[in-house]
Amino acid sequence: MQEAPLLVPRLGEIIKIVDESYDTKTFRIKPADWKVEFSPGQFAEITVFGVGEAPFALSSDPQVKDYFEVSVRAVGSVTNMLHKLRTGSLVGFRAPLGVGWPVEQLEGQDITMVVGGTGIFAVSSLIWHIYHSRDKFGDVKILYGARSPDLLLKKREFENWRRKIEVHLTVDTPSEGWTGNVGVVTKLIDKVKPSPESYFLVVGPPVMMKFTLLKLDEVGAKPERVYVSLERNMKCGLGLCGRCRLSNGLYVCKDGPIFRSDRIWRCDLE
């Protein structure tokens, strides 16, 4: 049963806002009465008072206990209003919610993250965790793709992550001056040739995830070693409204958003 505090929003102050792209911002929120504790992959419901609430991955370093971050693309009423807030504004939040990445299971293993677009926010807390405990993990690769160079997100963090983790970036449409990889992110799987014995973590737009799983089938990845993050259609965050119910009866918000790929139906990626 969920604890009562998760039913009622706590109060937090926006203390920093970072522009990630033309339509995406990262909000650093300092809670009024909560020591930040969450597992990589969990999420928060953020309330804009008078408008509503929406779920977002907890995208900050989980070692930091004074604040947390959520990264928000402006696509609807709540997110557009959130983008209009400034530092010093107050928001509500319910966190932590959901089931995160299988961190203990990943220790000692090779890991390949295949990420598209805003999906980077769902793995960034895990990347920080690995960064701080690098000796506990095997070979770690990040394969990250976006439509264009200006839509590659978390650029500042990548500068740090590269010190300890292998990073490969790609874009669908290069701009002038781009010297990196060009093409969809699945092409990077052919380039880096990760071991089929690796753990694969997949997150991004539905079509990207669908074709990534097909590619992983092709290269012989074991379904029990492939994990996906499903974040679409969540609403209440507690499994009460039924909006995020999957075909197999599980709920994204309380049984996920992280799932082993052989425990969901591929149609739920569409």
C-alpha atoms as a PDB file:
ATOM      1  CA  MET A   1       0.000   0.000   0.000  1.00  0.00           C
ATOM      2  CA  GLN A   2       1.280   3.483  -0.813  1.00  0.00           C
ATOM      3  CA  GLU A   3       2.158   5.675   2.156  1.00  0.00           C
ATOM      4  CA  ALA A   4      -0.127   8.638   2.802  1.00  0.00           C
ATOM      5  CA  PRO A   5       2.486  11.329   1.951  1.00  0.00           C
ATOM      6  CA  LEU A   6       2.485  10.112  -1.645  1.00  0.00           C
ATOM      7  CA  LEU A   7      -1.216  10.947  -1.962  1.00  0.00           C
ATOM      8  CA  VAL A   8      -0.750  14.608  -1.072  1.00  0.00           C
ATOM      9  CA  PRO A   9       1.828  16.857  -2.744  1.00  0.00           C
ATOM     10  CA  ARG A  10       4.729  18.166  -0.705  1.00  0.00           C
ATOM     11  CA  LEU A  11       5.965  21.699  -1.304  1.00  0.00           C
ATOM     12  CA  GLY A  12       9.146  22.527  -3.225  1.00  0.00           C
ATOM     13  CA  GLU A  13      10.870  25.676  -4.469  1.00  0.00           C
ATOM     14  CA  ILE A  14      12.381  25.989  -7.942  1.00  0.00           C
ATOM     15  CA  ILE A  15      15.970  27.100  -7.257  1.00  0.00           C
ATOM     16  CA  LYS A  16      17.467  26.731 -10.737  1.00  0.00           C
ATOM     17  CA  ILE A  17      16.262  26.410 -14.333  1.00  0.00           C
ATOM     18  CA  VAL A  18      18.478  25.144 -17.166  1.00  0.00           C
ATOM     19  CA  ASP A  19      17.520  25.484 -20.834  1.00  0.00           C
ATOM     20  CA  GLU A  20      18.189  22.102 -22.466  1.00  0.00           C
ATOM     21  CA  SER A  21      16.757  22.982 -25.889  1.00  0.00           C
ATOM     22  CA  TYR A  22      14.227  25.360 -27.405  1.00  0.00           C
ATOM     23  CA  ASP A  23      11.320  23.469 -25.811  1.00  0.00           C
ATOM     24  CA  THR A  24      12.903  21.570 -22.894  1.00  0.00           C
ATOM     25  CA  LYS A  25      14.048  22.792 -19.479  1.00  0.00           C
ATOM     26  CA  THR A  26      15.497  21.182 -16.370  1.00  0.00           C
ATOM     27  CA  PHE A  27      14.040  22.370 -13.057  1.00  0.00           C
ATOM     28  CA  ARG A  28      16.006  22.023  -9.834  1.00  0.00           C
ATOM     29  CA  ILE A  29      13.576  21.779  -6.921  1.00  0.00           C
ATOM     30  CA  LYS A  30      14.436  22.133  -3.232  1.00  0.00           C
ATOM     31  CA  PRO A  31      11.897  20.379  -0.975  1.00  0.00           C
ATOM     32  CA  ALA A  32      10.581  22.191   2.071  1.00  0.00           C
ATOM     33  CA  ASP A  33      10.482  19.106   4.294  1.00  0.00           C
ATOM     34  CA  TRP A  34      11.880  16.046   2.473  1.00  0.00           C
ATOM     35  CA  LYS A  35      15.390  14.637   2.411  1.00  0.00           C
ATOM     36  CA  VAL A  36      15.708  13.515  -1.192  1.00  0.00           C
ATOM     37  CA  GLU A  37      15.828   9.727  -1.472  1.00  0.00           C
ATOM     38  CA  PHE A  38      15.081   7.874  -4.688  1.00  0.00           C
ATOM     39  CA  SER A  39      16.297   4.975  -6.804  1.00  0.00           C
ATOM     40  CA  PRO A  40      17.523   5.578 -10.370  1.00  0.00           C
ATOM     41  CA  GLY A  41      14.560   5.256 -12.717  1.00  0.00           C
ATOM     42  CA  GLN A  42      11.851   6.395 -10.300  1.00  0.00           C
ATOM     43  CA  PHE A  43       9.721   9.435 -11.078  1.00  0.00           C
ATOM     44  CA  ALA A  44       7.905  12.358  -9.489  1.00  0.00           C
ATOM     45  CA  GLU A  45       4.480  13.887 -10.007  1.00  0.00           C
ATOM     46  CA  ILE A  46       4.913  17.657 -10.235  1.00  0.00           C
ATOM     47  CA  THR A  47       1.976  19.949  -9.461  1.00  0.00           C
ATOM     48  CA  VAL A  48       1.548  23.397 -10.968  1.00  0.00           C
ATOM     49  CA  PHE A  49      -1.006  24.886  -8.624  1.00  0.00           C
ATOM     50  CA  GLY A  50      -4.261  25.812 -10.287  1.00  0.00           C
ATOM     51  CA  VAL A  51      -3.397  23.861 -13.434  1.00  0.00           C
ATOM     52  CA  GLY A  52      -2.720  20.194 -12.606  1.00  0.00           C
ATOM     53  CA  GLU A  53       0.080  17.676 -12.220  1.00  0.00           C
ATOM     54  CA  ALA A  54       2.173  15.528 -14.541  1.00  0.00           C
ATOM     55  CA  PRO A  55       4.821  12.794 -14.126  1.00  0.00           C
ATOM     56  CA  PHE A  56       8.527  13.275 -14.881  1.00  0.00           C
ATOM     57  CA  ALA A  57      11.603  11.118 -14.392  1.00  0.00           C
ATOM     58  CA  LEU A  58      13.835  12.103 -11.497  1.00  0.00           C
ATOM     59  CA  SER A  59      16.830  13.079 -13.596  1.00  0.00           C
ATOM     60  CA  SER A  60      19.357  14.329 -11.050  1.00  0.00           C
ATOM     61  CA  ASP A  61      22.271  12.719  -9.219  1.00  0.00           C
ATOM     62  CA  PRO A  62      20.692  10.456  -6.551  1.00  0.00           C
ATOM     63  CA  GLN A  63      23.614  11.139  -4.192  1.00  0.00           C
ATOM     64  CA  VAL A  64      22.453  14.744  -3.808  1.00  0.00           C
ATOM     65  CA  LYS A  65      20.008  14.986  -0.913  1.00  0.00           C
ATOM     66  CA  ASP A  66      19.213  18.708  -0.844  1.00  0.00           C
ATOM     67  CA  TYR A  67      17.353  18.952  -4.134  1.00  0.00           C
ATOM     68  CA  PHE A  68      16.113  16.929  -7.103  1.00  0.00           C
ATOM     69  CA  GLU A  69      15.697  17.705 -10.771  1.00  0.00           C
ATOM     70  CA  VAL A  70      13.060  16.980 -13.381  1.00  0.00           C
ATOM     71  CA  SER A  71      13.461  17.758 -17.060  1.00  0.00           C
ATOM     72  CA  VAL A  72      10.369  18.935 -18.886  1.00  0.00           C
ATOM     73  CA  ARG A  73       9.454  19.300 -22.535  1.00  0.00           C
ATOM     74  CA  ALA A  74       6.646  21.796 -23.142  1.00  0.00           C
ATOM     75  CA  VAL A  75       3.893  19.758 -24.801  1.00  0.00           C
ATOM     76  CA  GLY A  76       0.707  20.364 -22.802  1.00  0.00           C
ATOM     77  CA  SER A  77      -1.091  22.638 -20.322  1.00  0.00           C
ATOM     78  CA  VAL A  78       0.895  21.609 -17.231  1.00  0.00           C
ATOM     79  CA  THR A  79       4.270  21.568 -18.943  1.00  0.00           C
ATOM     80  CA  ASN A  80       3.709  24.866 -20.745  1.00  0.00           C
ATOM     81  CA  MET A  81       2.708  26.541 -17.508  1.00  0.00           C
ATOM     82  CA  LEU A  82       5.686  24.984 -15.725  1.00  0.00           C
ATOM     83  CA  HIS A  83       7.938  26.551 -18.367  1.00  0.00           C
ATOM     84  CA  LYS A  84       6.501  29.961 -17.468  1.00  0.00           C
ATOM     85  CA  LEU A  85       7.576  29.673 -13.823  1.00  0.00           C
ATOM     86  CA  ARG A  86      10.777  31.293 -12.578  1.00  0.00           C
ATOM     87  CA  THR A  87      13.292  30.595  -9.836  1.00  0.00           C
ATOM     88  CA  GLY A  88      11.633  31.123  -6.479  1.00  0.00           C
ATOM     89  CA  SER A  89       8.295  29.730  -7.687  1.00  0.00           C
ATOM     90  CA  LEU A  90       6.656  27.029  -5.592  1.00  0.00           C
ATOM     91  CA  VAL A  91       5.398  23.722  -6.954  1.00  0.00           C
ATOM     92  CA  GLY A  92       3.967  20.592  -5.439  1.00  0.00           C
ATOM     93  CA  PHE A  93       5.500  17.160  -5.836  1.00  0.00           C
ATOM     94  CA  ARG A  94       4.835  13.537  -4.980  1.00  0.00           C
ATOM     95  CA  ALA A  95       7.963  11.390  -4.975  1.00  0.00           C
ATOM     96  CA  PRO A  96       9.513   8.943  -5.251  1.00  0.00           C
ATOM     97  CA  LEU A  97       7.088   6.877  -7.293  1.00  0.00           C
ATOM     98  CA  GLY A  98       7.385   3.707  -9.357  1.00  0.00           C
ATOM     99  CA  VAL A  99       9.973   0.982  -9.778  1.00  0.00           C
ATOM    100  CA  GLY A 100      13.451   1.966 -10.968  1.00  0.00           C
ATOM    101  CA  TRP A 101      16.288   0.254 -12.833  1.00  0.00           C
ATOM    102  CA  PRO A 102      17.550  -3.056 -11.347  1.00  0.00           C
ATOM    103  CA  VAL A 103      20.711  -1.452  -9.939  1.00  0.00           C
ATOM    104  CA  GLU A 104      21.886  -4.366  -7.803  1.00  0.00           C
ATOM    105  CA  GLN A 105      21.340  -6.804 -10.659  1.00  0.00           C
ATOM    106  CA  LEU A 106      23.410  -4.591 -12.963  1.00  0.00           C
ATOM    107  CA  GLU A 107      26.440  -4.561 -10.681  1.00  0.00           C
ATOM    108  CA  GLY A 108      29.378  -6.456 -12.138  1.00  0.00           C
ATOM    109  CA  GLN A 109      27.727  -6.538 -15.579  1.00  0.00           C
ATOM    110  CA  ASP A 110      28.388  -4.933 -18.959  1.00  0.00           C
ATOM    111  CA  ILE A 111      25.695  -2.362 -19.713  1.00  0.00           C
ATOM    112  CA  THR A 112      24.618  -0.759 -22.983  1.00  0.00           C
ATOM    113  CA  MET A 113      22.094   2.071 -22.829  1.00  0.00           C
ATOM    114  CA  VAL A 114      20.256   2.765 -26.081  1.00  0.00           C
ATOM    115  CA  VAL A 115      18.559   6.128 -25.698  1.00  0.00           C
ATOM    116  CA  GLY A 116      16.595   8.484 -27.911  1.00  0.00           C
ATOM    117  CA  GLY A 117      15.570  12.120 -27.406  1.00  0.00           C
ATOM    118  CA  THR A 118      14.141  12.995 -24.003  1.00  0.00           C
ATOM    119  CA  GLY A 119      14.674   9.392 -22.939  1.00  0.00           C
ATOM    120  CA  ILE A 120      18.054  10.521 -21.613  1.00  0.00           C
ATOM    121  CA  PHE A 121      16.234  11.924 -18.572  1.00  0.00           C
ATOM    122  CA  ALA A 122      15.064   8.430 -17.574  1.00  0.00           C
ATOM    123  CA  VAL A 123      18.639   7.094 -17.419  1.00  0.00           C
ATOM    124  CA  SER A 124      20.595  10.146 -16.253  1.00  0.00           C
ATOM    125  CA  SER A 125      20.184   9.333 -12.540  1.00  0.00           C
ATOM    126  CA  LEU A 126      21.435   5.799 -13.235  1.00  0.00           C
ATOM    127  CA  ILE A 127      24.391   7.171 -15.194  1.00  0.00           C
ATOM    128  CA  TRP A 128      25.317   9.332 -12.201  1.00  0.00           C
ATOM    129  CA  HIS A 129      25.013   6.310  -9.913  1.00  0.00           C
ATOM    130  CA  ILE A 130      27.359   4.305 -12.152  1.00  0.00           C
ATOM    131  CA  TYR A 131      29.706   7.293 -12.429  1.00  0.00           C
ATOM    132  CA  HIS A 132      30.120   7.452  -8.641  1.00  0.00           C
ATOM    133  CA  SER A 133      30.517   3.665  -8.287  1.00  0.00           C
ATOM    134  CA  ARG A 134      32.347   2.926 -11.520  1.00  0.00           C
ATOM    135  CA  ASP A 135      34.367   0.021 -10.132  1.00  0.00           C
ATOM    136  CA  LYS A 136      31.163  -1.896  -9.383  1.00  0.00           C
ATOM    137  CA  PHE A 137      30.204  -2.216 -13.053  1.00  0.00           C
ATOM    138  CA  GLY A 138      31.713  -3.758 -16.166  1.00  0.00           C
ATOM    139  CA  ASP A 139      31.925  -2.126 -19.584  1.00  0.00           C
ATOM    140  CA  VAL A 140      29.339   0.668 -19.811  1.00  0.00           C
ATOM    141  CA  LYS A 141      28.275   2.291 -23.081  1.00  0.00           C
ATOM    142  CA  ILE A 142      25.772   5.062 -23.766  1.00  0.00           C
ATOM    143  CA  LEU A 143      24.339   5.145 -27.301  1.00  0.00           C
ATOM    144  CA  TYR A 144      22.313   8.338 -27.559  1.00  0.00           C
ATOM    145  CA  GLY A 145      20.539   9.791 -30.569  1.00  0.00           C
ATOM    146  CA  ALA A 146      18.453  12.880 -31.340  1.00  0.00           C
ATOM    147  CA  ARG A 147      16.905  14.426 -34.427  1.00  0.00           C
ATOM    148  CA  SER A 148      19.566  17.167 -34.651  1.00  0.00           C
ATOM    149  CA  PRO A 149      22.602  18.381 -32.666  1.00  0.00           C
ATOM    150  CA  ASP A 150      20.638  21.162 -30.959  1.00  0.00           C
ATOM    151  CA  LEU A 151      18.226  18.548 -29.582  1.00  0.00           C
ATOM    152  CA  LEU A 152      20.936  16.520 -27.840  1.00  0.00           C
ATOM    153  CA  LEU A 153      20.073  17.016 -24.167  1.00  0.00           C
ATOM    154  CA  LYS A 154      22.094  16.947 -20.924  1.00  0.00           C
ATOM    155  CA  LYS A 155      25.136  18.298 -22.793  1.00  0.00           C
ATOM    156  CA  ARG A 156      26.762  19.563 -19.612  1.00  0.00           C
ATOM    157  CA  GLU A 157      26.454  16.200 -17.896  1.00  0.00           C
ATOM    158  CA  PHE A 158      27.924  14.366 -20.883  1.00  0.00           C
ATOM    159  CA  GLU A 159      31.121  16.355 -20.413  1.00  0.00           C
ATOM    160  CA  ASN A 160      31.491  14.711 -16.990  1.00  0.00           C
ATOM    161  CA  TRP A 161      30.160  11.271 -17.897  1.00  0.00           C
ATOM    162  CA  ARG A 162      32.727  10.844 -20.681  1.00  0.00           C
ATOM    163  CA  ARG A 163      35.490  10.741 -18.084  1.00  0.00           C
ATOM    164  CA  LYS A 164      34.402   7.304 -16.910  1.00  0.00           C
ATOM    165  CA  ILE A 165      31.817   6.011 -19.393  1.00  0.00           C
ATOM    166  CA  GLU A 166      31.982   5.318 -23.139  1.00  0.00           C
ATOM    167  CA  VAL A 167      29.625   7.682 -24.972  1.00  0.00           C
ATOM    168  CA  HIS A 168      28.468   7.525 -28.613  1.00  0.00           C
ATOM    169  CA  LEU A 169      26.203  10.260 -30.005  1.00  0.00           C
ATOM    170  CA  THR A 170      24.310  10.355 -33.282  1.00  0.00           C
ATOM    171  CA  VAL A 171      21.826  12.674 -35.007  1.00  0.00           C
ATOM    172  CA  ASP A 172      19.328  12.099 -37.777  1.00  0.00           C
ATOM    173  CA  THR A 173      20.018  15.434 -39.471  1.00  0.00           C
ATOM    174  CA  PRO A 174      23.462  17.018 -38.975  1.00  0.00           C
ATOM    175  CA  SER A 175      23.963  20.761 -38.845  1.00  0.00           C
ATOM    176  CA  GLU A 176      26.965  22.697 -40.083  1.00  0.00           C
ATOM    177  CA  GLY A 177      29.987  21.805 -37.981  1.00  0.00           C
ATOM    178  CA  TRP A 178      28.671  18.446 -36.774  1.00  0.00           C
ATOM    179  CA  THR A 179      31.451  15.855 -37.066  1.00  0.00           C
ATOM    180  CA  GLY A 180      29.843  13.006 -35.153  1.00  0.00           C
ATOM    181  CA  ASN A 181      27.750  10.025 -36.206  1.00  0.00           C
ATOM    182  CA  VAL A 182      24.758  10.471 -38.499  1.00  0.00           C
ATOM    183  CA  GLY A 183      21.765   8.125 -38.552  1.00  0.00           C
ATOM    184  CA  VAL A 184      19.277   6.505 -36.212  1.00  0.00           C
ATOM    185  CA  VAL A 185      20.545   5.289 -32.869  1.00  0.00           C
ATOM    186  CA  THR A 186      20.209   1.606 -33.797  1.00  0.00           C
ATOM    187  CA  LYS A 187      23.083   2.095 -36.243  1.00  0.00           C
ATOM    188  CA  LEU A 188      25.347   2.620 -33.252  1.00  0.00           C
ATOM    189  CA  ILE A 189      24.645  -0.944 -32.139  1.00  0.00           C
ATOM    190  CA  ASP A 190      26.301  -2.174 -35.335  1.00  0.00           C
ATOM    191  CA  LYS A 191      29.187   0.227 -34.807  1.00  0.00           C
ATOM    192  CA  VAL A 192      30.089  -0.559 -31.179  1.00  0.00           C
ATOM    193  CA  LYS A 193      29.072  -4.244 -31.309  1.00  0.00           C
ATOM    194  CA  PRO A 194      28.129  -4.740 -27.643  1.00  0.00           C
ATOM    195  CA  SER A 195      28.255  -8.269 -26.301  1.00  0.00           C
ATOM    196  CA  PRO A 196      24.909 -10.120 -26.501  1.00  0.00           C
ATOM    197  CA  GLU A 197      25.556 -10.976 -22.844  1.00  0.00           C
ATOM    198  CA  SER A 198      25.320  -7.281 -21.916  1.00  0.00           C
ATOM    199  CA  TYR A 199      22.385  -5.789 -20.117  1.00  0.00           C
ATOM    200  CA  PHE A 200      20.579  -3.456 -22.496  1.00  0.00           C
ATOM    201  CA  LEU A 201      18.587  -0.485 -21.191  1.00  0.00           C
ATOM    202  CA  VAL A 202      16.270   1.039 -23.791  1.00  0.00           C
ATOM    203  CA  VAL A 203      14.333   4.285 -23.522  1.00  0.00           C
ATOM    204  CA  GLY A 204      13.043   6.829 -26.005  1.00  0.00           C
ATOM    205  CA  PRO A 205      10.125   7.482 -28.357  1.00  0.00           C
ATOM    206  CA  PRO A 206       7.905   4.425 -28.951  1.00  0.00           C
ATOM    207  CA  VAL A 207       8.980   3.893 -32.567  1.00  0.00           C
ATOM    208  CA  MET A 208      12.651   4.101 -31.586  1.00  0.00           C
ATOM    209  CA  MET A 209      12.158   1.564 -28.778  1.00  0.00           C
ATOM    210  CA  LYS A 210      10.251  -0.777 -31.092  1.00  0.00           C
ATOM    211  CA  PHE A 211      13.032  -0.875 -33.680  1.00  0.00           C
ATOM    212  CA  THR A 212      15.733  -1.067 -31.018  1.00  0.00           C
ATOM    213  CA  LEU A 213      14.159  -4.196 -29.548  1.00  0.00           C
ATOM    214  CA  LEU A 214      13.953  -5.711 -33.037  1.00  0.00           C
ATOM    215  CA  LYS A 215      17.642  -4.893 -33.520  1.00  0.00           C
ATOM    216  CA  LEU A 216      18.535  -6.460 -30.181  1.00  0.00           C
ATOM    217  CA  ASP A 217      16.640  -9.595 -31.209  1.00  0.00           C
ATOM    218  CA  GLU A 218      18.753  -9.621 -34.356  1.00  0.00           C
ATOM    219  CA  VAL A 219      22.078  -9.399 -32.501  1.00  0.00           C
ATOM    220  CA  GLY A 220      21.120 -12.102 -30.030  1.00  0.00           C
ATOM    221  CA  ALA A 221      20.470 -10.079 -26.886  1.00  0.00           C
ATOM    222  CA  LYS A 222      18.758 -12.105 -24.176  1.00  0.00           C
ATOM    223  CA  PRO A 223      15.236 -10.797 -23.461  1.00  0.00           C
ATOM    224  CA  GLU A 224      15.738 -11.264 -19.718  1.00  0.00           C
ATOM    225  CA  ARG A 225      18.712  -8.885 -19.951  1.00  0.00           C
ATOM    226  CA  VAL A 226      16.829  -6.160 -21.818  1.00  0.00           C
ATOM    227  CA  TYR A 227      15.008  -3.493 -19.796  1.00  0.00           C
ATOM    228  CA  VAL A 228      12.796  -0.698 -21.082  1.00  0.00           C
ATOM    229  CA  SER A 229      11.375   2.452 -19.555  1.00  0.00           C
ATOM    230  CA  LEU A 230       7.716   3.141 -20.355  1.00  0.00           C
ATOM    231  CA  GLU A 231       6.578   6.601 -19.363  1.00  0.00           C
ATOM    232  CA  ARG A 232       3.683   7.453 -21.606  1.00  0.00           C
ATOM    233  CA  ASN A 233       0.066   7.755 -20.472  1.00  0.00           C
ATOM    234  CA  MET A 234       0.798   7.959 -16.737  1.00  0.00           C
ATOM    235  CA  LYS A 235      -1.547  10.176 -14.750  1.00  0.00           C
ATOM    236  CA  CYS A 236      -2.164   9.489 -11.047  1.00  0.00           C
ATOM    237  CA  GLY A 237       1.126   7.708 -10.324  1.00  0.00           C
ATOM    238  CA  LEU A 238      -0.533   5.222  -7.969  1.00  0.00           C
ATOM    239  CA  GLY A 239      -2.300   2.735 -10.233  1.00  0.00           C
ATOM    240  CA  LEU A 240      -5.733   4.105  -9.319  1.00  0.00           C
ATOM    241  CA  CYS A 241      -6.940   5.848 -12.473  1.00  0.00           C
ATOM    242  CA  GLY A 242      -6.162   2.973 -14.876  1.00  0.00           C
ATOM    243  CA  ARG A 243      -4.854   5.246 -17.598  1.00  0.00           C
ATOM    244  CA  CYS A 244      -1.456   3.520 -17.894  1.00  0.00           C
ATOM    245  CA  ARG A 245      -2.689  -0.084 -17.702  1.00  0.00           C
ATOM    246  CA  LEU A 246      -0.769  -2.366 -20.067  1.00  0.00           C
ATOM    247  CA  SER A 247      -2.133  -5.235 -22.127  1.00  0.00           C
ATOM    248  CA  ASN A 248      -0.900  -7.756 -19.548  1.00  0.00           C
ATOM    249  CA  GLY A 249      -2.690  -6.029 -16.682  1.00  0.00           C
ATOM    250  CA  LEU A 250       0.364  -4.290 -15.212  1.00  0.00           C
ATOM    251  CA  TYR A 251       0.426  -0.547 -14.564  1.00  0.00           C
ATOM    252  CA  VAL A 252       3.280   1.639 -15.791  1.00  0.00           C
ATOM    253  CA  CYS A 253       3.165   3.896 -12.736  1.00  0.00           C
ATOM    254  CA  LYS A 254       3.232   1.317  -9.926  1.00  0.00           C
ATOM    255  CA  ASP A 255       4.710  -1.802 -11.593  1.00  0.00           C
ATOM    256  CA  GLY A 256       7.172   0.253 -13.673  1.00  0.00           C
ATOM    257  CA  PRO A 257       8.057   2.498 -15.402  1.00  0.00           C
ATOM    258  CA  ILE A 258      11.014   0.100 -15.724  1.00  0.00           C
ATOM    259  CA  PHE A 259      10.123  -3.337 -17.112  1.00  0.00           C
ATOM    260  CA  ARG A 260      12.042  -6.359 -18.308  1.00  0.00           C
ATOM    261  CA  SER A 261      11.318  -6.590 -22.017  1.00  0.00           C
ATOM    262  CA  ASP A 262       9.973 -10.156 -21.889  1.00  0.00           C
ATOM    263  CA  ARG A 263       7.359  -9.092 -19.325  1.00  0.00           C
ATOM    264  CA  ILE A 264       5.556  -6.615 -21.565  1.00  0.00           C
ATOM    265  CA  TRP A 265       3.803  -6.971 -24.898  1.00  0.00           C
ATOM    266  CA  ARG A 266       5.479  -5.330 -27.864  1.00  0.00           C
ATOM    267  CA  CYS A 267       2.166  -3.700 -28.799  1.00  0.00           C
ATOM    268  CA  ASP A 268       2.486  -1.586 -25.649  1.00  0.00           C
ATOM    269  CA  LEU A 269       5.435   0.193 -27.276  1.00  0.00           C
ATOM    270  CA  GLU A 270       3.267   1.527 -30.108  1.00  0.00           C
END
